[in-house]
Protein backbone atom coordinates (compact mmCIF):
# COMPACT_ATOMS: atom_id res chain seq x y z
CA MET A 1 -26.98 -21.07 25.10
CA ASN A 2 -25.62 -19.73 28.32
CA SER A 3 -22.95 -17.11 28.88
CA ASN A 4 -20.27 -19.75 29.59
CA TYR A 5 -20.49 -20.87 25.98
CA TYR A 6 -19.84 -17.35 24.71
CA TRP A 7 -16.98 -16.74 27.11
CA THR A 8 -15.41 -20.06 26.13
CA CYS A 9 -15.66 -19.13 22.46
CA ILE A 10 -14.15 -15.70 23.08
CA ALA A 11 -11.31 -17.17 25.13
CA GLY A 12 -10.64 -19.86 22.51
CA ILE A 13 -10.52 -17.34 19.69
CA ALA A 14 -8.29 -15.02 21.73
CA ILE A 15 -5.85 -17.82 22.53
CA GLY A 16 -5.82 -18.97 18.91
CA THR A 17 -5.15 -15.46 17.63
CA TYR A 18 -2.41 -14.95 20.20
CA LEU A 19 -0.71 -18.23 19.29
CA VAL A 20 -0.79 -17.49 15.56
CA ARG A 21 0.73 -14.05 16.06
CA CYS A 22 3.21 -15.28 18.62
CA SER A 23 4.41 -18.07 16.33
CA PHE A 24 5.66 -15.58 13.76
CA ILE A 25 7.51 -13.62 16.41
CA LEU A 26 9.07 -16.64 18.12
CA PHE A 27 9.98 -18.67 15.02
CA HIS A 28 10.96 -15.93 12.56
CA GLU A 29 14.60 -16.98 12.75
CA TYR A 30 13.80 -20.51 11.58
CA ILE A 31 11.49 -19.55 8.72
CA LYS A 32 13.21 -18.51 5.51
CA LEU A 33 10.96 -16.58 3.18
CA PRO A 34 11.62 -16.58 -0.55
CA ARG A 35 13.08 -13.42 -2.04
CA PHE A 36 9.93 -12.49 -4.00
CA ILE A 37 7.85 -12.59 -0.80
CA LYS A 38 10.35 -10.40 1.06
CA LYS A 39 10.28 -8.00 -1.86
CA GLY A 40 6.46 -7.79 -1.80
CA LEU A 41 5.95 -7.44 1.96
CA PRO A 42 6.47 -3.65 2.08
CA TYR A 43 3.49 -3.23 -0.26
CA LEU A 44 1.15 -5.28 1.93
CA PRO A 45 -0.26 -2.36 4.02
CA VAL A 46 -0.90 -0.38 0.85
CA ALA A 47 -2.89 -3.30 -0.55
CA ILE A 48 -4.85 -4.03 2.63
CA LEU A 49 -5.98 -0.47 3.36
CA PRO A 50 -8.17 -0.10 0.25
CA ALA A 51 -9.58 -3.57 0.87
CA LEU A 52 -10.71 -2.43 4.31
CA ILE A 53 -12.04 0.97 3.27
CA SER A 54 -13.73 0.31 -0.08
CA PRO A 55 -16.56 -1.95 1.19
CA SER A 56 -17.75 0.78 3.55
CA ILE A 57 -17.81 3.22 0.64
CA ILE A 58 -19.45 1.01 -1.97
CA PHE A 59 -21.85 -1.05 0.16
CA HIS A 60 -24.15 1.33 1.96
CA VAL A 61 -26.80 -0.23 4.22
CA GLY A 62 -26.16 -3.64 2.70
CA GLN A 63 -26.86 -2.54 -0.87
CA VAL A 64 -24.76 -1.23 -3.70
CA HIS A 65 -25.42 2.44 -4.36
CA TRP A 66 -22.87 4.18 -6.50
CA LEU A 67 -23.67 7.85 -6.15
CA TYR A 68 -27.37 8.10 -5.42
CA GLY A 69 -27.69 8.36 -1.66
CA ASN A 70 -24.06 7.50 -1.12
CA GLU A 71 -22.34 10.55 0.26
CA ARG A 72 -19.37 8.43 1.25
CA ALA A 73 -18.28 7.90 -2.34
CA LEU A 74 -18.24 11.63 -3.05
CA ALA A 75 -16.39 12.33 0.21
CA ALA A 76 -13.86 9.60 -0.64
CA CYS A 77 -13.30 11.09 -4.10
CA THR A 78 -12.80 14.52 -2.57
CA ALA A 79 -10.35 13.14 -0.01
CA LEU A 80 -8.51 11.27 -2.75
CA LEU A 81 -8.15 14.45 -4.77
CA VAL A 82 -6.89 16.41 -1.75
CA SER A 83 -4.45 13.63 -0.93
CA TYR A 84 -3.12 13.61 -4.46
CA LYS A 85 -2.73 17.38 -4.63
CA THR A 86 -1.39 18.17 -1.15
CA LYS A 87 0.28 14.92 0.01
CA ASN A 88 -0.89 15.92 3.50
CA MET A 89 -2.62 13.28 5.61
CA ILE A 90 -4.22 15.71 8.07
CA ALA A 91 -5.68 17.82 5.25
CA THR A 92 -7.02 14.68 3.60
CA ILE A 93 -8.74 13.49 6.77
CA VAL A 94 -10.19 16.91 7.57
CA VAL A 95 -11.48 17.56 4.05
CA GLY A 96 -12.93 14.05 3.75
CA PHE A 97 -14.65 14.32 7.12
CA LEU A 98 -16.02 17.80 6.44
CA THR A 99 -17.26 16.77 3.00
CA LEU A 100 -19.05 13.78 4.45
CA PHE A 101 -20.46 15.88 7.29
CA PHE A 102 -21.84 18.58 4.98
CA LEU A 103 -23.25 16.06 2.51
CA LYS A 104 -24.98 14.16 5.34
CA THR A 105 -26.47 17.33 6.81
CA MET A 106 -27.70 18.58 3.43
CA SER A 107 -29.48 15.35 2.52
């Protein structure tokens, strides 16, 4: 396969993604969403964020390790606790990062 094939695939995917996103912006006036969907949309980011983060915590190097050799899980639990107690995003990020850093350097 030559580089033209790859560039064509990348361009096709980019155009497709752009058209899908653009369609919602251009045609939002003509699409009427049901009330229960409008009511649930504010919770969508809260549902997607754990779905993006949890695989990187649970699946480490392509295998499931719960606590043995998985410093990420302990750092995530520490960050979760700090987030719950302080309600401060910066403190949560700093404590989670420092916990992961120290656990990685100690092992």
